[in-house]
Amino acid sequence: MGDSAVLIEAPAQAAALANNLEAVNLPGVTEVVPAFDSVAVLFDPGVWSDHALEEALESFVPSAVRSPQWHRVPVQLDRGQDTVQAC
């Protein structure tokens, strides 16, 4: 998913939330990826820390979904011994 992402669980509202986040066009947000009941927000870690982005995203999360668990998913693909085979 890139260098950094946050995952917002939003049952029954993921598509609408993703549309709202894309419309806002936050600087440093590189991609908004909706799934069935969640939205992954990929971001440039040089622009946002995960905590700062979470706070910025709070205002876009509908109140019915405000009790989601935030997931930090750091990914780094350049250090594994099997990177070439995996890619």
Protein backbone atom coordinates (compact mmCIF):
# COMPACT_ATOMS: atom_id res chain seq x y z
CA MET A 1 0.00 0.00 0.00
CA GLY A 2 2.96 2.34 -0.11
CA ASP A 3 5.08 3.86 2.63
CA SER A 4 2.21 4.76 4.95
CA ALA A 5 -1.54 4.39 5.14
CA VAL A 6 -4.39 4.61 7.59
CA LEU A 7 -7.40 2.34 7.38
CA ILE A 8 -10.82 3.61 8.39
CA GLU A 9 -13.46 0.98 9.07
CA ALA A 10 -16.77 2.43 7.87
CA PRO A 11 -19.41 -0.30 7.47
CA ALA A 12 -22.11 0.66 4.96
CA GLN A 13 -20.51 4.09 4.45
CA ALA A 14 -17.13 3.34 2.89
CA ALA A 15 -18.02 4.48 -0.64
CA ALA A 16 -19.53 7.78 0.53
CA LEU A 17 -16.58 8.43 2.85
CA ALA A 18 -14.10 7.71 0.05
CA ASN A 19 -15.94 10.09 -2.29
CA ASN A 20 -15.87 12.84 0.35
CA LEU A 21 -12.16 12.36 1.02
CA GLU A 22 -11.33 12.42 -2.70
CA ALA A 23 -13.38 15.60 -3.18
CA VAL A 24 -11.45 17.39 -0.42
CA ASN A 25 -8.12 16.61 -2.10
CA LEU A 26 -5.96 16.89 1.03
CA PRO A 27 -2.34 17.73 0.20
CA GLY A 28 -0.06 14.77 0.80
CA VAL A 29 -2.84 12.20 0.43
CA THR A 30 -1.70 10.12 -2.51
CA GLU A 31 -4.65 7.75 -2.85
CA VAL A 32 -8.03 6.96 -1.33
CA VAL A 33 -9.00 3.31 -1.75
CA PRO A 34 -12.54 2.24 -0.81
CA ALA A 35 -13.36 -1.37 -0.03
CA PHE A 36 -16.60 -3.01 1.06
CA ASP A 37 -16.55 -1.67 4.62
CA SER A 38 -13.35 0.34 4.92
CA VAL A 39 -11.31 3.06 3.28
CA ALA A 40 -7.53 3.05 3.02
CA VAL A 41 -5.94 6.48 2.87
CA LEU A 42 -2.39 6.41 1.53
CA PHE A 43 -0.24 9.41 2.32
CA ASP A 44 3.19 10.92 1.91
CA PRO A 45 4.96 10.58 5.29
CA GLY A 46 6.98 13.69 4.44
CA VAL A 47 3.76 15.72 4.56
CA TRP A 48 1.76 13.95 7.28
CA SER A 49 2.47 11.91 10.35
CA ASP A 50 -0.08 9.17 10.85
CA HIS A 51 -1.42 10.91 13.99
CA ALA A 52 -1.80 14.28 12.26
CA LEU A 53 -3.59 12.70 9.31
CA GLU A 54 -5.92 10.79 11.65
CA GLU A 55 -6.86 14.07 13.33
CA ALA A 56 -7.46 15.75 9.96
CA LEU A 57 -9.60 12.84 8.78
CA GLU A 58 -11.75 12.83 11.94
CA SER A 59 -13.88 15.69 10.62
CA PHE A 60 -14.77 13.70 7.49
CA VAL A 61 -15.78 10.51 9.26
CA PRO A 62 -19.56 10.40 9.78
CA SER A 63 -20.61 10.47 13.43
CA ALA A 64 -22.14 6.99 13.11
CA VAL A 65 -18.68 5.67 12.25
CA ARG A 66 -16.66 7.71 14.77
CA SER A 67 -15.80 4.69 16.85
CA PRO A 68 -13.60 3.02 14.24
CA GLN A 69 -10.31 1.49 15.13
CA TRP A 70 -7.51 3.19 13.25
CA HIS A 71 -4.87 0.89 11.83
CA ARG A 72 -1.36 2.03 10.97
CA VAL A 73 0.13 0.00 8.16
CA PRO A 74 3.79 0.87 7.60
CA VAL A 75 5.20 -0.89 4.56
CA GLN A 76 8.75 -1.00 3.30
CA LEU A 77 9.58 -3.12 0.28
CA ASP A 78 13.25 -2.41 -0.28
CA ARG A 79 14.86 -4.48 2.51
CA GLY A 80 13.54 -8.01 2.17
CA GLN A 81 15.74 -10.76 0.78
CA ASP A 82 12.90 -11.94 -1.47
CA THR A 83 11.84 -8.51 -2.79
CA VAL A 84 12.89 -9.30 -6.36
CA GLN A 85 11.03 -12.63 -6.36
CA ALA A 86 7.93 -11.12 -4.70
CA CYS A 87 7.71 -8.29 -7.21
